[in-house]
């Protein structure tokens, strides 16, 4: 059976997206890290299941459809999956990428401001 890439995300994932903002509670110490891990574990498992399901599909070598690209991307993500969740298991890793975004912001905005 063939699917389009945009249809691979189940309707249930948006409810998981609402669970992630509890990270700020870990930072301000109103939520224990063990409680945070317990809240996030079902999300990690759901993502793993989706990646595995998509990666199990067969695609031909050299196939360039959106579906084939999605399958290959899921396979690649599965090879580095533990790294996706380091922010959960390792204390001290920022839960967002806001600090990195703030560092590169001037470099990203400079061409817009100076070359237009």
N, C-alpha and C. Protein backbone atom coordinates (compact mmCIF):
# COMPACT_ATOMS: atom_id res chain seq x y z
N UNK A 1 0.84 -1.18 0.00
CA UNK A 1 0.00 0.00 0.00
C UNK A 1 0.88 1.24 0.00
N UNK A 2 0.52 2.25 -0.77
CA UNK A 2 1.29 3.48 -0.88
C UNK A 2 0.58 4.61 -0.13
N UNK A 3 1.35 5.46 0.51
CA UNK A 3 0.81 6.63 1.20
C UNK A 3 1.60 7.85 0.78
N UNK A 4 0.98 9.00 0.86
CA UNK A 4 1.69 10.26 0.67
C UNK A 4 2.37 10.62 1.97
N UNK A 5 3.52 11.28 1.90
CA UNK A 5 4.27 11.64 3.09
C UNK A 5 3.44 12.44 4.09
N UNK A 6 2.66 13.37 3.58
CA UNK A 6 1.91 14.23 4.48
C UNK A 6 0.81 13.49 5.23
N UNK A 7 0.49 12.25 4.82
CA UNK A 7 -0.55 11.49 5.49
C UNK A 7 0.01 10.52 6.53
N UNK A 8 1.31 10.49 6.73
CA UNK A 8 1.89 9.49 7.62
C UNK A 8 1.74 9.84 9.08
N UNK A 9 1.47 11.10 9.42
CA UNK A 9 1.33 11.50 10.81
C UNK A 9 -0.10 11.24 11.26
N UNK A 10 -0.28 10.44 12.29
CA UNK A 10 -1.64 10.17 12.75
C UNK A 10 -2.25 11.39 13.42
N UNK A 11 -3.54 11.41 13.45
CA UNK A 11 -4.26 12.54 14.05
C UNK A 11 -3.96 12.67 15.54
N UNK A 12 -3.46 11.61 16.17
CA UNK A 12 -3.21 11.66 17.60
C UNK A 12 -1.97 12.46 17.97
N UNK A 13 -1.05 12.70 17.03
CA UNK A 13 0.18 13.41 17.39
C UNK A 13 -0.05 14.83 17.91
N UNK A 14 -1.01 15.60 17.42
CA UNK A 14 -1.17 16.94 17.99
C UNK A 14 -1.39 16.93 19.49
N UNK A 15 -2.01 15.89 20.03
CA UNK A 15 -2.18 15.88 21.49
C UNK A 15 -0.84 15.70 22.19
N UNK A 16 0.10 15.03 21.55
CA UNK A 16 1.44 14.89 22.13
C UNK A 16 2.16 16.23 22.12
N UNK A 17 1.95 17.01 21.08
CA UNK A 17 2.60 18.31 21.00
C UNK A 17 2.20 19.21 22.16
N UNK A 18 1.01 19.04 22.68
CA UNK A 18 0.59 19.84 23.83
C UNK A 18 1.28 19.39 25.10
N UNK A 19 1.84 18.19 25.14
CA UNK A 19 2.49 17.69 26.33
C UNK A 19 3.92 18.21 26.49
N UNK A 20 4.56 18.57 25.40
CA UNK A 20 5.96 18.97 25.47
C UNK A 20 6.21 20.26 26.25
N UNK A 21 5.29 21.22 26.29
CA UNK A 21 5.60 22.44 27.04
C UNK A 21 5.84 22.25 28.53
N UNK A 22 5.70 21.07 29.08
CA UNK A 22 6.00 20.86 30.50
C UNK A 22 7.50 21.00 30.78
N UNK A 23 8.32 21.08 29.73
CA UNK A 23 9.76 21.23 29.90
C UNK A 23 10.12 22.45 30.73
N UNK A 24 9.38 23.54 30.56
CA UNK A 24 9.68 24.74 31.34
C UNK A 24 9.48 24.50 32.83
N UNK A 25 8.60 23.57 33.18
CA UNK A 25 8.38 23.25 34.59
C UNK A 25 9.57 22.52 35.19
N UNK A 26 10.31 21.79 34.37
CA UNK A 26 11.54 21.15 34.86
C UNK A 26 12.56 22.24 35.14
N UNK A 27 12.67 23.19 34.22
CA UNK A 27 13.63 24.27 34.36
C UNK A 27 13.36 25.11 35.61
N UNK A 28 12.10 25.42 35.88
CA UNK A 28 11.81 26.25 37.06
C UNK A 28 11.54 25.41 38.31
N UNK A 29 11.83 24.12 38.20
CA UNK A 29 11.79 23.17 39.32
C UNK A 29 10.40 22.98 39.94
N UNK A 30 9.34 23.18 39.15
CA UNK A 30 8.00 22.87 39.64
C UNK A 30 7.56 21.48 39.20
N UNK A 31 8.43 20.79 38.47
CA UNK A 31 8.18 19.42 38.05
C UNK A 31 9.49 18.65 38.19
N UNK A 32 9.45 17.54 38.91
CA UNK A 32 10.65 16.71 39.06
C UNK A 32 11.04 16.12 37.71
N UNK A 33 12.34 15.95 37.51
CA UNK A 33 12.83 15.40 36.25
C UNK A 33 12.25 14.00 36.00
N UNK A 34 12.10 13.19 37.05
CA UNK A 34 11.54 11.85 36.88
C UNK A 34 10.09 11.91 36.40
N UNK A 35 9.34 12.90 36.89
CA UNK A 35 7.96 13.08 36.42
C UNK A 35 7.94 13.52 34.96
N UNK A 36 8.88 14.40 34.60
CA UNK A 36 8.98 14.85 33.22
C UNK A 36 9.27 13.67 32.29
N UNK A 37 10.23 12.84 32.69
CA UNK A 37 10.57 11.66 31.88
C UNK A 37 9.35 10.76 31.72
N UNK A 38 8.60 10.58 32.80
CA UNK A 38 7.40 9.73 32.74
C UNK A 38 6.36 10.33 31.78
N UNK A 39 6.23 11.66 31.75
CA UNK A 39 5.27 12.30 30.85
C UNK A 39 5.70 12.20 29.39
N UNK A 40 7.02 12.21 29.15
CA UNK A 40 7.53 12.25 27.80
C UNK A 40 7.73 10.85 27.20
N UNK A 41 7.87 9.84 28.03
CA UNK A 41 8.09 8.48 27.52
C UNK A 41 7.05 8.03 26.50
N UNK A 42 5.75 8.26 26.72
CA UNK A 42 4.77 7.86 25.70
C UNK A 42 4.97 8.59 24.36
N UNK A 43 5.43 9.82 24.43
CA UNK A 43 5.69 10.58 23.20
C UNK A 43 6.86 9.95 22.46
N UNK A 44 7.92 9.63 23.20
CA UNK A 44 9.10 8.99 22.59
C UNK A 44 8.70 7.68 21.94
N UNK A 45 7.88 6.90 22.62
CA UNK A 45 7.46 5.61 22.08
C UNK A 45 6.60 5.80 20.83
N UNK A 46 5.71 6.78 20.85
CA UNK A 46 4.86 7.03 19.68
C UNK A 46 5.71 7.45 18.48
N UNK A 47 6.70 8.29 18.70
CA UNK A 47 7.58 8.72 17.61
C UNK A 47 8.36 7.52 17.09
N UNK A 48 8.88 6.70 18.01
CA UNK A 48 9.62 5.50 17.60
C UNK A 48 8.73 4.58 16.76
N UNK A 49 7.51 4.37 17.20
CA UNK A 49 6.58 3.49 16.46
C UNK A 49 6.30 4.03 15.06
N UNK A 50 6.10 5.34 14.96
CA UNK A 50 5.84 5.94 13.64
C UNK A 50 7.06 5.82 12.73
N UNK A 51 8.24 6.09 13.27
CA UNK A 51 9.45 5.98 12.47
C UNK A 51 9.66 4.54 12.00
N UNK A 52 9.43 3.60 12.90
CA UNK A 52 9.61 2.18 12.57
C UNK A 52 8.61 1.75 11.51
N UNK A 53 7.37 2.15 11.69
CA UNK A 53 6.33 1.79 10.72
C UNK A 53 6.69 2.29 9.32
N UNK A 54 7.11 3.55 9.24
CA UNK A 54 7.46 4.11 7.93
C UNK A 54 8.73 3.48 7.38
N UNK A 55 9.70 3.21 8.24
CA UNK A 55 10.98 2.65 7.78
C UNK A 55 10.82 1.23 7.27
N UNK A 56 9.79 0.53 7.70
CA UNK A 56 9.57 -0.85 7.28
C UNK A 56 9.03 -0.99 5.86
N UNK A 57 8.58 0.11 5.27
CA UNK A 57 8.08 0.04 3.90
C UNK A 57 9.23 -0.19 2.93
N UNK A 58 8.94 -0.90 1.87
CA UNK A 58 9.94 -1.19 0.85
C UNK A 58 9.90 -0.11 -0.22
N UNK A 59 11.07 0.43 -0.53
CA UNK A 59 11.18 1.38 -1.63
C UNK A 59 12.33 0.92 -2.52
N UNK A 60 12.20 1.17 -3.79
CA UNK A 60 13.23 0.75 -4.75
C UNK A 60 14.45 1.66 -4.64
N UNK A 61 15.63 1.10 -4.89
CA UNK A 61 16.84 1.90 -4.94
C UNK A 61 16.67 2.96 -6.01
N UNK A 62 17.01 4.17 -5.67
CA UNK A 62 16.91 5.25 -6.64
C UNK A 62 15.53 5.86 -6.79
N UNK A 63 14.53 5.30 -6.12
CA UNK A 63 13.18 5.86 -6.20
C UNK A 63 13.18 7.25 -5.59
N UNK A 64 12.59 8.22 -6.28
CA UNK A 64 12.66 9.60 -5.86
C UNK A 64 11.30 10.19 -5.47
N UNK A 65 10.35 9.34 -5.20
CA UNK A 65 9.04 9.85 -4.80
C UNK A 65 9.12 10.44 -3.40
N UNK A 66 8.12 11.25 -3.05
CA UNK A 66 8.08 11.81 -1.69
C UNK A 66 8.02 10.70 -0.65
N UNK A 67 7.29 9.65 -0.97
CA UNK A 67 7.17 8.54 -0.02
C UNK A 67 8.53 7.88 0.20
N UNK A 68 9.29 7.64 -0.87
CA UNK A 68 10.60 7.02 -0.74
C UNK A 68 11.53 7.90 0.09
N UNK A 69 11.45 9.21 -0.12
CA UNK A 69 12.27 10.13 0.67
C UNK A 69 11.88 10.07 2.14
N UNK A 70 10.59 9.97 2.40
CA UNK A 70 10.12 9.89 3.78
C UNK A 70 10.62 8.60 4.44
N UNK A 71 10.52 7.50 3.72
CA UNK A 71 10.99 6.21 4.26
C UNK A 71 12.48 6.29 4.58
N UNK A 72 13.26 6.84 3.67
CA UNK A 72 14.71 6.94 3.91
C UNK A 72 15.02 7.87 5.08
N UNK A 73 14.28 8.95 5.18
CA UNK A 73 14.48 9.87 6.31
C UNK A 73 14.16 9.17 7.63
N UNK A 74 13.09 8.41 7.67
CA UNK A 74 12.73 7.68 8.89
C UNK A 74 13.80 6.66 9.25
N UNK A 75 14.36 6.01 8.27
CA UNK A 75 15.44 5.05 8.52
C UNK A 75 16.66 5.76 9.10
N UNK A 76 16.98 6.92 8.55
CA UNK A 76 18.12 7.67 9.06
C UNK A 76 17.86 8.15 10.48
N UNK A 77 16.65 8.62 10.75
CA UNK A 77 16.33 9.08 12.10
C UNK A 77 16.41 7.95 13.11
N UNK A 78 16.02 6.75 12.72
CA UNK A 78 16.11 5.61 13.63
C UNK A 78 17.56 5.30 14.02
N UNK A 79 18.50 5.58 13.11
CA UNK A 79 19.90 5.30 13.43
C UNK A 79 20.45 6.26 14.49
N UNK A 80 19.85 7.44 14.61
CA UNK A 80 20.32 8.42 15.59
C UNK A 80 19.24 8.72 16.65
N UNK A 81 18.27 7.86 16.74
CA UNK A 81 17.14 8.13 17.63
C UNK A 81 17.52 8.46 19.06
N UNK A 82 18.49 7.78 19.68
CA UNK A 82 18.83 8.15 21.05
C UNK A 82 19.24 9.63 21.19
N UNK A 83 19.86 10.17 20.17
CA UNK A 83 20.28 11.57 20.22
C UNK A 83 19.08 12.52 20.20
N UNK A 84 17.96 12.07 19.64
CA UNK A 84 16.76 12.92 19.61
C UNK A 84 16.24 13.21 21.01
N UNK A 85 16.54 12.31 21.94
CA UNK A 85 15.97 12.41 23.28
C UNK A 85 16.99 12.77 24.35
N UNK A 86 18.17 13.22 23.98
CA UNK A 86 19.19 13.57 24.97
C UNK A 86 18.71 14.67 25.91
N UNK A 87 17.93 15.60 25.40
CA UNK A 87 17.45 16.69 26.25
C UNK A 87 16.58 16.18 27.40
N UNK A 88 16.06 14.97 27.25
CA UNK A 88 15.23 14.39 28.30
C UNK A 88 16.09 13.69 29.34
N UNK A 89 17.07 12.92 28.89
CA UNK A 89 17.82 12.05 29.78
C UNK A 89 19.05 12.70 30.40
N UNK A 90 19.58 13.75 29.78
CA UNK A 90 20.81 14.37 30.29
C UNK A 90 20.48 15.74 30.88
N UNK A 91 20.72 15.87 32.17
CA UNK A 91 20.47 17.15 32.82
C UNK A 91 21.44 18.19 32.29
N UNK A 92 20.95 19.42 32.16
CA UNK A 92 21.80 20.51 31.71
C UNK A 92 21.66 20.82 30.23
N UNK A 93 21.08 19.91 29.46
CA UNK A 93 20.84 20.21 28.05
C UNK A 93 19.57 21.04 27.96
N UNK A 94 19.68 22.17 27.29
CA UNK A 94 18.54 23.06 27.14
C UNK A 94 17.41 22.34 26.41
N UNK A 95 16.20 22.52 26.89
CA UNK A 95 15.05 21.84 26.31
C UNK A 95 14.59 22.48 25.01
N UNK A 96 15.05 23.68 24.72
CA UNK A 96 14.71 24.34 23.47
C UNK A 96 16.00 24.75 22.77
N UNK A 97 15.89 25.21 21.56
CA UNK A 97 17.07 25.70 20.86
C UNK A 97 17.08 27.23 20.83
N UNK A 98 16.39 27.87 21.77
CA UNK A 98 16.30 29.32 21.78
C UNK A 98 17.66 29.99 21.88
N UNK A 99 18.55 29.48 22.71
CA UNK A 99 19.87 30.08 22.87
C UNK A 99 20.63 30.06 21.55
N UNK A 100 20.60 28.94 20.86
CA UNK A 100 21.28 28.84 19.56
C UNK A 100 20.65 29.77 18.55
N UNK A 101 19.34 29.87 18.55
CA UNK A 101 18.67 30.76 17.61
C UNK A 101 19.05 32.22 17.86
N UNK A 102 19.16 32.60 19.13
CA UNK A 102 19.53 33.97 19.45
C UNK A 102 20.95 34.29 19.01
N UNK A 103 21.85 33.30 19.08
CA UNK A 103 23.23 33.51 18.67
C UNK A 103 23.33 33.77 17.17
N UNK A 104 22.58 33.02 16.36
CA UNK A 104 22.71 33.17 14.90
C UNK A 104 21.76 34.21 14.32
N UNK A 105 20.86 34.73 15.10
CA UNK A 105 19.86 35.68 14.61
C UNK A 105 20.48 36.87 13.87
N UNK A 106 21.49 37.55 14.43
CA UNK A 106 22.07 38.70 13.71
C UNK A 106 22.62 38.31 12.34
N UNK A 107 23.26 37.17 12.24
CA UNK A 107 23.83 36.73 10.97
C UNK A 107 22.73 36.42 9.95
N UNK A 108 21.62 35.92 10.41
CA UNK A 108 20.51 35.60 9.51
C UNK A 108 19.82 36.87 9.05
N UNK A 109 19.68 37.82 9.93
CA UNK A 109 18.96 39.06 9.59
C UNK A 109 19.83 40.06 8.84
N UNK A 110 21.14 39.99 8.95
CA UNK A 110 22.02 40.97 8.34
C UNK A 110 21.79 41.10 6.83
N UNK A 111 21.75 40.01 6.05
CA UNK A 111 21.53 40.18 4.61
C UNK A 111 20.19 40.83 4.30
N UNK A 112 19.19 40.51 5.05
CA UNK A 112 17.86 41.10 4.80
C UNK A 112 17.90 42.60 5.00
N UNK A 113 18.61 43.02 6.03
CA UNK A 113 18.67 44.43 6.38
C UNK A 113 19.61 45.21 5.46
N UNK A 114 20.73 44.61 5.11
CA UNK A 114 21.77 45.34 4.41
C UNK A 114 21.80 45.15 2.90
N UNK A 115 21.16 44.13 2.39
CA UNK A 115 21.21 43.87 0.96
C UNK A 115 19.90 44.17 0.25
N UNK A 116 18.94 44.68 0.97
CA UNK A 116 17.67 44.96 0.31
C UNK A 116 17.56 46.40 -0.13
